[in-house]
């Protein structure tokens, strides 16, 4: 295994402070194998987080609204696809969540327009 360490320098050490303020924060990145893949322990943690995020999306109010409205769900990335790097997977999830929010907003706007039109027809104002 090949480990990589990234060092970030901060102008103000009060942002992140450990036992001694050195103005530097050492962040250990995922342990990588020589082929560039994350090691099994890191992959298991990432997979658990990915699965939990998918479950959270399925339990969200937006998901419930989309399902109840009979709209097609945006495609969510496969949480167990090891070929998809972490950042790429996070971007795909963010895109799917934004699309869900746009779908809900559009549908609510359409529902309000239909309700307003119905009220106008009932009152004879149309």
Protein backbone atom coordinates (compact mmCIF):
# COMPACT_ATOMS: atom_id res chain seq x y z
CA UNK A 1 0.00 0.00 0.00
CA UNK A 2 1.09 3.51 -0.77
CA UNK A 3 -0.06 6.22 1.64
CA UNK A 4 -0.40 9.85 0.68
CA UNK A 5 -0.34 12.81 3.07
CA UNK A 6 -1.45 16.30 2.18
CA UNK A 7 -0.40 19.28 4.25
CA UNK A 8 -2.57 22.38 4.32
CA UNK A 9 -1.22 25.66 5.66
CA UNK A 10 -3.62 28.12 7.27
CA UNK A 11 -2.85 31.75 7.97
CA UNK A 12 -4.78 31.52 11.21
CA UNK A 13 -4.28 28.38 13.24
CA UNK A 14 -7.53 29.01 15.11
CA UNK A 15 -9.43 27.47 12.18
CA UNK A 16 -8.30 24.00 13.13
CA UNK A 17 -6.27 23.59 16.27
CA UNK A 18 -4.94 20.43 17.85
CA UNK A 19 -2.88 20.17 21.03
CA UNK A 20 -0.29 22.62 19.69
CA UNK A 21 -0.88 25.46 17.23
CA UNK A 22 1.62 25.05 14.43
CA UNK A 23 -0.37 26.70 11.67
CA UNK A 24 -0.33 23.42 9.74
CA UNK A 25 -2.90 20.72 9.49
CA UNK A 26 -1.92 17.31 8.27
CA UNK A 27 -4.74 15.48 6.58
CA UNK A 28 -4.27 11.79 5.82
CA UNK A 29 -5.93 10.91 2.58
CA UNK A 30 -7.31 7.48 1.82
CA UNK A 31 -4.71 4.78 1.67
CA UNK A 32 -4.26 3.89 -1.98
CA UNK A 33 -3.11 0.65 -3.50
CA UNK A 34 -0.42 0.79 -6.21
CA UNK A 35 -3.20 0.56 -8.84
CA UNK A 36 -4.75 3.79 -7.53
CA UNK A 37 -7.77 2.15 -5.89
CA UNK A 38 -8.64 2.79 -2.26
CA UNK A 39 -7.85 0.01 0.19
CA UNK A 40 -10.57 -2.34 1.45
CA UNK A 41 -11.05 -0.64 4.82
CA UNK A 42 -11.51 2.77 3.19
CA UNK A 43 -13.81 1.29 0.55
CA UNK A 44 -15.99 -0.36 3.22
CA UNK A 45 -16.36 2.98 5.05
CA UNK A 46 -17.16 4.81 1.81
CA UNK A 47 -19.68 2.18 0.77
CA UNK A 48 -21.46 2.37 4.13
CA UNK A 49 -21.69 6.16 3.80
CA UNK A 50 -22.91 5.90 0.20
CA UNK A 51 -25.61 3.37 1.12
CA UNK A 52 -26.71 5.53 4.06
CA UNK A 53 -26.99 8.59 1.79
CA UNK A 54 -29.11 6.69 -0.72
CA UNK A 55 -31.37 5.53 2.15
CA UNK A 56 -31.62 9.12 3.40
CA UNK A 57 -32.65 10.28 -0.10
CA UNK A 58 -35.33 7.56 -0.28
CA UNK A 59 -36.67 8.67 3.12
CA UNK A 60 -36.73 12.37 2.17
CA UNK A 61 -39.88 14.41 1.69
CA UNK A 62 -38.83 15.27 -1.87
CA UNK A 63 -38.58 11.58 -2.78
CA UNK A 64 -42.00 10.93 -1.26
CA UNK A 65 -43.49 13.85 -3.19
CA UNK A 66 -41.96 12.65 -6.47
CA UNK A 67 -43.21 9.09 -5.97
CA UNK A 68 -46.70 10.28 -4.95
CA UNK A 69 -46.87 12.52 -8.02
CA UNK A 70 -45.91 9.59 -10.25
CA UNK A 71 -42.84 11.38 -11.57
CA UNK A 72 -39.74 9.45 -12.64
CA UNK A 73 -36.92 9.60 -10.12
CA UNK A 74 -33.59 10.98 -11.26
CA UNK A 75 -31.02 8.24 -11.60
CA UNK A 76 -28.96 7.79 -8.45
CA UNK A 77 -25.43 6.43 -8.72
CA UNK A 78 -24.73 2.88 -7.60
CA UNK A 79 -23.29 3.06 -4.07
CA UNK A 80 -21.36 -0.18 -4.56
CA UNK A 81 -19.69 0.69 -7.87
CA UNK A 82 -16.03 0.70 -6.91
CA UNK A 83 -15.02 2.14 -10.30
CA UNK A 84 -16.61 5.50 -9.47
CA UNK A 85 -14.21 7.75 -7.55
CA UNK A 86 -15.45 9.45 -4.38
CA UNK A 87 -15.65 12.99 -5.80
CA UNK A 88 -17.36 11.84 -8.99
CA UNK A 89 -19.92 9.91 -6.92
CA UNK A 90 -20.54 12.92 -4.66
CA UNK A 91 -21.07 15.17 -7.70
CA UNK A 92 -23.54 12.67 -9.21
CA UNK A 93 -25.44 12.58 -5.90
CA UNK A 94 -25.49 16.36 -5.68
CA UNK A 95 -26.79 16.58 -9.27
CA UNK A 96 -29.53 14.04 -8.50
CA UNK A 97 -30.58 15.89 -5.34
CA UNK A 98 -30.71 19.21 -7.20
CA UNK A 99 -32.78 17.62 -9.96
CA UNK A 100 -35.19 16.22 -7.33
CA UNK A 101 -35.61 19.70 -5.82
CA UNK A 102 -36.23 21.22 -9.27
CA UNK A 103 -38.82 18.53 -10.04
CA UNK A 104 -40.64 19.19 -6.76
CA UNK A 105 -40.60 22.95 -7.29
CA UNK A 106 -41.93 22.61 -10.86
CA UNK A 107 -44.65 20.20 -9.81
CA UNK A 108 -45.76 22.41 -6.92
CA UNK A 109 -45.90 25.40 -9.28
CA UNK A 110 -48.04 23.43 -11.73
CA UNK A 111 -50.32 22.26 -8.89
CA UNK A 112 -50.77 25.87 -7.69
CA UNK A 113 -51.58 27.00 -11.24
CA UNK A 114 -54.16 24.23 -11.65
CA UNK A 115 -55.71 25.07 -8.27
CA UNK A 116 -55.90 28.76 -9.13
CA UNK A 117 -57.47 28.00 -12.51
CA UNK A 118 -60.02 25.68 -10.88
CA UNK A 119 -60.97 28.35 -8.35
CA UNK A 120 -61.44 30.88 -11.17
CA UNK A 121 -63.67 28.46 -13.08
CA UNK A 122 -65.77 27.75 -9.97
CA UNK A 123 -66.28 31.45 -9.29
CA UNK A 124 -67.16 32.14 -12.93
CA UNK A 125 -64.24 34.51 -13.34
CA UNK A 126 -62.75 32.69 -16.30
